[in-house]
Amino acid sequence: WSKGLWGLLVFTMQISIALVFSTA
């Protein structure tokens, strides 16, 4: 569980960027 907590950091940034730029 603890190892998986930070396993999606790259994907988190990718979707965050998609959301921010789509809103822009």
PDB file of all heavy atoms in Angstrom:
ATOM      1  N   TRP A   1       0.828  -1.206   0.000  1.00  0.00           N
ATOM      2  CA  TRP A   1       0.000   0.000   0.000  1.00  0.00           C
ATOM      3  C   TRP A   1       0.863   1.256   0.000  1.00  0.00           C
ATOM      4  O   TRP A   1       0.648   2.172  -0.798  1.00  0.00           O
ATOM      5  CB  TRP A   1      -0.915  -0.011   1.229  1.00  0.00           C
ATOM      6  CG  TRP A   1      -1.726   1.238   1.402  1.00  0.00           C
ATOM      7  CD1 TRP A   1      -2.813   1.618   0.691  1.00  0.00           C
ATOM      8  CD2 TRP A   1      -1.487   2.288   2.355  1.00  0.00           C
ATOM      9  NE1 TRP A   1      -3.283   2.828   1.145  1.00  0.00           N
ATOM     10  CE2 TRP A   1      -2.490   3.259   2.160  1.00  0.00           C
ATOM     11  CE3 TRP A   1      -0.540   2.470   3.362  1.00  0.00           C
ATOM     12  CZ2 TRP A   1      -2.554   4.413   2.929  1.00  0.00           C
ATOM     13  CZ3 TRP A   1      -0.602   3.628   4.127  1.00  0.00           C
ATOM     14  CH2 TRP A   1      -1.600   4.584   3.902  1.00  0.00           C
ATOM     15  N   SER A   2       1.860   1.287   0.881  1.00  0.00           N
ATOM     16  CA  SER A   2       2.702   2.487   0.988  1.00  0.00           C
ATOM     17  C   SER A   2       3.526   2.696  -0.276  1.00  0.00           C
ATOM     18  O   SER A   2       3.759   3.839  -0.697  1.00  0.00           O
ATOM     19  CB  SER A   2       3.616   2.389   2.212  1.00  0.00           C
ATOM     20  OG  SER A   2       4.497   1.290   2.086  1.00  0.00           O
ATOM     21  N   LYS A   3       3.959   1.602  -0.900  1.00  0.00           N
ATOM     22  CA  LYS A   3       4.708   1.724  -2.148  1.00  0.00           C
ATOM     23  C   LYS A   3       3.824   2.267  -3.272  1.00  0.00           C
ATOM     24  O   LYS A   3       4.260   3.059  -4.107  1.00  0.00           O
ATOM     25  CB  LYS A   3       5.281   0.360  -2.542  1.00  0.00           C
ATOM     26  CG  LYS A   3       6.149   0.396  -3.795  1.00  0.00           C
ATOM     27  CD  LYS A   3       6.848  -0.939  -4.026  1.00  0.00           C
ATOM     28  CE  LYS A   3       5.845  -2.043  -4.308  1.00  0.00           C
ATOM     29  NZ  LYS A   3       6.521  -3.322  -4.646  1.00  0.00           N
ATOM     30  N   GLY A   4       2.571   1.847  -3.276  1.00  0.00           N
ATOM     31  CA  GLY A   4       1.650   2.290  -4.319  1.00  0.00           C
ATOM     32  C   GLY A   4       1.203   3.727  -4.172  1.00  0.00           C
ATOM     33  O   GLY A   4       0.780   4.352  -5.150  1.00  0.00           O
ATOM     34  N   LEU A   5       1.282   4.275  -2.953  1.00  0.00           N
ATOM     35  CA  LEU A   5       0.812   5.649  -2.708  1.00  0.00           C
ATOM     36  C   LEU A   5       1.389   6.647  -3.702  1.00  0.00           C
ATOM     37  O   LEU A   5       0.702   7.564  -4.147  1.00  0.00           O
ATOM     38  CB  LEU A   5       1.168   6.080  -1.280  1.00  0.00           C
ATOM     39  CG  LEU A   5       0.339   5.506  -0.135  1.00  0.00           C
ATOM     40  CD1 LEU A   5       0.928   5.927   1.199  1.00  0.00           C
ATOM     41  CD2 LEU A   5      -1.119   5.958  -0.235  1.00  0.00           C
ATOM     42  N   TRP A   6       2.650   6.469  -4.044  1.00  0.00           N
ATOM     43  CA  TRP A   6       3.333   7.451  -4.899  1.00  0.00           C
ATOM     44  C   TRP A   6       3.614   6.881  -6.288  1.00  0.00           C
ATOM     45  O   TRP A   6       4.449   7.399  -7.009  1.00  0.00           O
ATOM     46  CB  TRP A   6       4.629   7.902  -4.221  1.00  0.00           C
ATOM     47  CG  TRP A   6       4.417   8.187  -2.771  1.00  0.00           C
ATOM     48  CD1 TRP A   6       4.964   7.534  -1.705  1.00  0.00           C
ATOM     49  CD2 TRP A   6       3.534   9.169  -2.207  1.00  0.00           C
ATOM     50  NE1 TRP A   6       4.482   8.050  -0.525  1.00  0.00           N
ATOM     51  CE2 TRP A   6       3.611   9.056  -0.796  1.00  0.00           C
ATOM     52  CE3 TRP A   6       2.685  10.138  -2.754  1.00  0.00           C
ATOM     53  CZ2 TRP A   6       2.868   9.864   0.059  1.00  0.00           C
ATOM     54  CZ3 TRP A   6       1.939  10.937  -1.907  1.00  0.00           C
ATOM     55  CH2 TRP A   6       2.047  10.806  -0.519  1.00  0.00           C
ATOM     56  N   GLY A   7       2.891   5.828  -6.651  1.00  0.00           N
ATOM     57  CA  GLY A   7       3.123   5.209  -7.945  1.00  0.00           C
ATOM     58  C   GLY A   7       2.431   5.898  -9.107  1.00  0.00           C
ATOM     59  O   GLY A   7       2.660   5.535 -10.255  1.00  0.00           O
ATOM     60  N   LEU A   8       1.581   6.864  -8.809  1.00  0.00           N
ATOM     61  CA  LEU A   8       0.836   7.533  -9.870  1.00  0.00           C
ATOM     62  C   LEU A   8       1.204   9.014  -9.992  1.00  0.00           C
ATOM     63  O   LEU A   8       0.424   9.805 -10.521  1.00  0.00           O
ATOM     64  CB  LEU A   8      -0.675   7.404  -9.606  1.00  0.00           C
ATOM     65  CG  LEU A   8      -1.248   5.989  -9.644  1.00  0.00           C
ATOM     66  CD1 LEU A   8      -2.722   6.011  -9.267  1.00  0.00           C
ATOM     67  CD2 LEU A   8      -1.066   5.358 -11.012  1.00  0.00           C
ATOM     68  N   LEU A   9       2.387   9.382  -9.511  1.00  0.00           N
ATOM     69  CA  LEU A   9       2.756  10.800  -9.517  1.00  0.00           C
ATOM     70  C   LEU A   9       2.843  11.364 -10.936  1.00  0.00           C
ATOM     71  O   LEU A   9       2.376  12.471 -11.203  1.00  0.00           O
ATOM     72  CB  LEU A   9       4.080  11.000  -8.786  1.00  0.00           C
ATOM     73  CG  LEU A   9       4.046  10.838  -7.255  1.00  0.00           C
ATOM     74  CD1 LEU A   9       5.420  11.092  -6.670  1.00  0.00           C
ATOM     75  CD2 LEU A   9       3.017  11.770  -6.636  1.00  0.00           C
ATOM     76  N   VAL A  10       3.457  10.607 -11.859  1.00  0.00           N
ATOM     77  CA  VAL A  10       3.569  11.082 -13.243  1.00  0.00           C
ATOM     78  C   VAL A  10       2.179  11.238 -13.858  1.00  0.00           C
ATOM     79  O   VAL A  10       1.867  12.257 -14.479  1.00  0.00           O
ATOM     80  CB  VAL A  10       4.422  10.114 -14.089  1.00  0.00           C
ATOM     81  CG1 VAL A  10       4.375  10.514 -15.563  1.00  0.00           C
ATOM     82  CG2 VAL A  10       5.864  10.109 -13.587  1.00  0.00           C
ATOM     83  N   PHE A  11       1.341  10.234 -13.661  1.00  0.00           N
ATOM     84  CA  PHE A  11      -0.004  10.282 -14.221  1.00  0.00           C
ATOM     85  C   PHE A  11      -0.821  11.403 -13.585  1.00  0.00           C
ATOM     86  O   PHE A  11      -1.615  12.062 -14.255  1.00  0.00           O
ATOM     87  CB  PHE A  11      -0.701   8.936 -14.020  1.00  0.00           C
ATOM     88  CG  PHE A  11      -2.010   8.823 -14.731  1.00  0.00           C
ATOM     89  CD1 PHE A  11      -2.068   8.776 -16.114  1.00  0.00           C
ATOM     90  CD2 PHE A  11      -3.203   8.774 -14.028  1.00  0.00           C
ATOM     91  CE1 PHE A  11      -3.274   8.683 -16.782  1.00  0.00           C
ATOM     92  CE2 PHE A  11      -4.412   8.675 -14.680  1.00  0.00           C
ATOM     93  CZ  PHE A  11      -4.446   8.629 -16.066  1.00  0.00           C
ATOM     94  N   THR A  12      -0.616  11.624 -12.279  1.00  0.00           N
ATOM     95  CA  THR A  12      -1.309  12.716 -11.599  1.00  0.00           C
ATOM     96  C   THR A  12      -0.965  14.051 -12.237  1.00  0.00           C
ATOM     97  O   THR A  12      -1.845  14.893 -12.481  1.00  0.00           O
ATOM     98  CB  THR A  12      -0.934  12.757 -10.106  1.00  0.00           C
ATOM     99  OG1 THR A  12      -1.248  11.502  -9.506  1.00  0.00           O
ATOM    100  CG2 THR A  12      -1.682  13.856  -9.378  1.00  0.00           C
ATOM    101  N   MET A  13       0.317  14.248 -12.540  1.00  0.00           N
ATOM    102  CA  MET A  13       0.724  15.495 -13.184  1.00  0.00           C
ATOM    103  C   MET A  13       0.160  15.595 -14.597  1.00  0.00           C
ATOM    104  O   MET A  13      -0.282  16.676 -15.037  1.00  0.00           O
ATOM    105  CB  MET A  13       2.253  15.594 -13.230  1.00  0.00           C
ATOM    106  CG  MET A  13       2.782  16.864 -13.889  1.00  0.00           C
ATOM    107  SD  MET A  13       2.132  18.382 -13.134  1.00  0.00           S
ATOM    108  CE  MET A  13       3.027  18.389 -11.578  1.00  0.00           C
ATOM    109  N   GLN A  14       0.120  14.475 -15.319  1.00  0.00           N
ATOM    110  CA  GLN A  14      -0.411  14.497 -16.684  1.00  0.00           C
ATOM    111  C   GLN A  14      -1.879  14.903 -16.707  1.00  0.00           C
ATOM    112  O   GLN A  14      -2.294  15.722 -17.526  1.00  0.00           O
ATOM    113  CB  GLN A  14      -0.224  13.121 -17.335  1.00  0.00           C
ATOM    114  CG  GLN A  14       1.210  12.816 -17.728  1.00  0.00           C
ATOM    115  CD  GLN A  14       1.368  11.402 -18.242  1.00  0.00           C
ATOM    116  OE1 GLN A  14       0.705  10.477 -17.776  1.00  0.00           O
ATOM    117  NE2 GLN A  14       2.253  11.218 -19.201  1.00  0.00           N
ATOM    118  N   ILE A  15      -2.677  14.314 -15.816  1.00  0.00           N
ATOM    119  CA  ILE A  15      -4.103  14.657 -15.829  1.00  0.00           C
ATOM    120  C   ILE A  15      -4.326  16.064 -15.282  1.00  0.00           C
ATOM    121  O   ILE A  15      -5.260  16.758 -15.685  1.00  0.00           O
ATOM    122  CB  ILE A  15      -4.952  13.632 -15.061  1.00  0.00           C
ATOM    123  CG1 ILE A  15      -4.639  13.662 -13.570  1.00  0.00           C
ATOM    124  CG2 ILE A  15      -4.805  12.245 -15.633  1.00  0.00           C
ATOM    125  CD1 ILE A  15      -5.705  12.995 -12.725  1.00  0.00           C
ATOM    126  N   SER A  16      -3.465  16.502 -14.351  1.00  0.00           N
ATOM    127  CA  SER A  16      -3.588  17.863 -13.830  1.00  0.00           C
ATOM    128  C   SER A  16      -3.326  18.881 -14.931  1.00  0.00           C
ATOM    129  O   SER A  16      -4.048  19.874 -15.072  1.00  0.00           O
ATOM    130  CB  SER A  16      -2.612  18.066 -12.670  1.00  0.00           C
ATOM    131  OG  SER A  16      -2.903  17.206 -11.593  1.00  0.00           O
ATOM    132  N   ILE A  17      -2.295  18.623 -15.728  1.00  0.00           N
ATOM    133  CA  ILE A  17      -1.978  19.504 -16.848  1.00  0.00           C
ATOM    134  C   ILE A  17      -3.115  19.511 -17.866  1.00  0.00           C
ATOM    135  O   ILE A  17      -3.506  20.566 -18.381  1.00  0.00           O
ATOM    136  CB  ILE A  17      -0.649  19.070 -17.511  1.00  0.00           C
ATOM    137  CG1 ILE A  17       0.526  19.430 -16.601  1.00  0.00           C
ATOM    138  CG2 ILE A  17      -0.478  19.712 -18.878  1.00  0.00           C
ATOM    139  CD1 ILE A  17       1.861  18.908 -17.085  1.00  0.00           C
ATOM    140  N   ALA A  18      -3.666  18.324 -18.148  1.00  0.00           N
ATOM    141  CA  ALA A  18      -4.777  18.238 -19.106  1.00  0.00           C
ATOM    142  C   ALA A  18      -5.962  19.069 -18.630  1.00  0.00           C
ATOM    143  O   ALA A  18      -6.594  19.786 -19.410  1.00  0.00           O
ATOM    144  CB  ALA A  18      -5.184  16.781 -19.302  1.00  0.00           C
ATOM    145  N   LEU A  19      -6.260  18.992 -17.336  1.00  0.00           N
ATOM    146  CA  LEU A  19      -7.394  19.727 -16.786  1.00  0.00           C
ATOM    147  C   LEU A  19      -7.147  21.235 -16.821  1.00  0.00           C
ATOM    148  O   LEU A  19      -8.026  22.016 -17.210  1.00  0.00           O
ATOM    149  CB  LEU A  19      -7.660  19.271 -15.353  1.00  0.00           C
ATOM    150  CG  LEU A  19      -8.890  19.857 -14.667  1.00  0.00           C
ATOM    151  CD1 LEU A  19     -10.157  19.471 -15.421  1.00  0.00           C
ATOM    152  CD2 LEU A  19      -8.973  19.380 -13.222  1.00  0.00           C
ATOM    153  N   VAL A  20      -5.947  21.660 -16.456  1.00  0.00           N
ATOM    154  CA  VAL A  20      -5.611  23.092 -16.417  1.00  0.00           C
ATOM    155  C   VAL A  20      -5.625  23.694 -17.818  1.00  0.00           C
ATOM    156  O   VAL A  20      -6.226  24.749 -18.062  1.00  0.00           O
ATOM    157  CB  VAL A  20      -4.239  23.298 -15.748  1.00  0.00           C
ATOM    158  CG1 VAL A  20      -3.742  24.732 -15.979  1.00  0.00           C
ATOM    159  CG2 VAL A  20      -4.326  23.022 -14.253  1.00  0.00           C
ATOM    160  N   PHE A  21      -4.975  23.024 -18.772  1.00  0.00           N
ATOM    161  CA  PHE A  21      -4.916  23.567 -20.128  1.00  0.00           C
ATOM    162  C   PHE A  21      -6.278  23.502 -20.823  1.00  0.00           C
ATOM    163  O   PHE A  21      -6.616  24.379 -21.626  1.00  0.00           O
ATOM    164  CB  PHE A  21      -3.863  22.830 -20.960  1.00  0.00           C
ATOM    165  CG  PHE A  21      -2.438  23.169 -20.567  1.00  0.00           C
ATOM    166  CD1 PHE A  21      -1.379  22.363 -20.951  1.00  0.00           C
ATOM    167  CD2 PHE A  21      -2.159  24.282 -19.795  1.00  0.00           C
ATOM    168  CE1 PHE A  21      -0.080  22.667 -20.592  1.00  0.00           C
ATOM    169  CE2 PHE A  21      -0.866  24.602 -19.424  1.00  0.00           C
ATOM    170  CZ  PHE A  21       0.184  23.789 -19.827  1.00  0.00           C
ATOM    171  N   SER A  22      -7.061  22.463 -20.541  1.00  0.00           N
ATOM    172  CA  SER A  22      -8.404  22.392 -21.120  1.00  0.00           C
ATOM    173  C   SER A  22      -9.258  23.548 -20.620  1.00  0.00           C
ATOM    174  O   SER A  22     -10.010  24.156 -21.386  1.00  0.00           O
ATOM    175  CB  SER A  22      -9.064  21.059 -20.767  1.00  0.00           C
ATOM    176  OG  SER A  22      -8.397  19.982 -21.387  1.00  0.00           O
ATOM    177  N   THR A  23      -9.143  23.847 -19.327  1.00  0.00           N
ATOM    178  CA  THR A  23      -9.880  24.982 -18.769  1.00  0.00           C
ATOM    179  C   THR A  23      -9.421  26.291 -19.394  1.00  0.00           C
ATOM    180  O   THR A  23     -10.235  27.174 -19.696  1.00  0.00           O
ATOM    181  CB  THR A  23      -9.691  25.049 -17.241  1.00  0.00           C
ATOM    182  OG1 THR A  23     -10.080  23.806 -16.659  1.00  0.00           O
ATOM    183  CG2 THR A  23     -10.521  26.171 -16.631  1.00  0.00           C
ATOM    184  N   ALA A  24      -8.108  26.420 -19.601  1.00  0.00           N
ATOM    185  CA  ALA A  24      -7.563  27.637 -20.208  1.00  0.00           C
ATOM    186  C   ALA A  24      -8.089  27.834 -21.625  1.00  0.00           C
ATOM    187  O   ALA A  24      -8.247  28.968 -22.092  1.00  0.00           O
ATOM    188  CB  ALA A  24      -6.036  27.580 -20.218  1.00  0.00           C
TER     189      ALA A  24
END
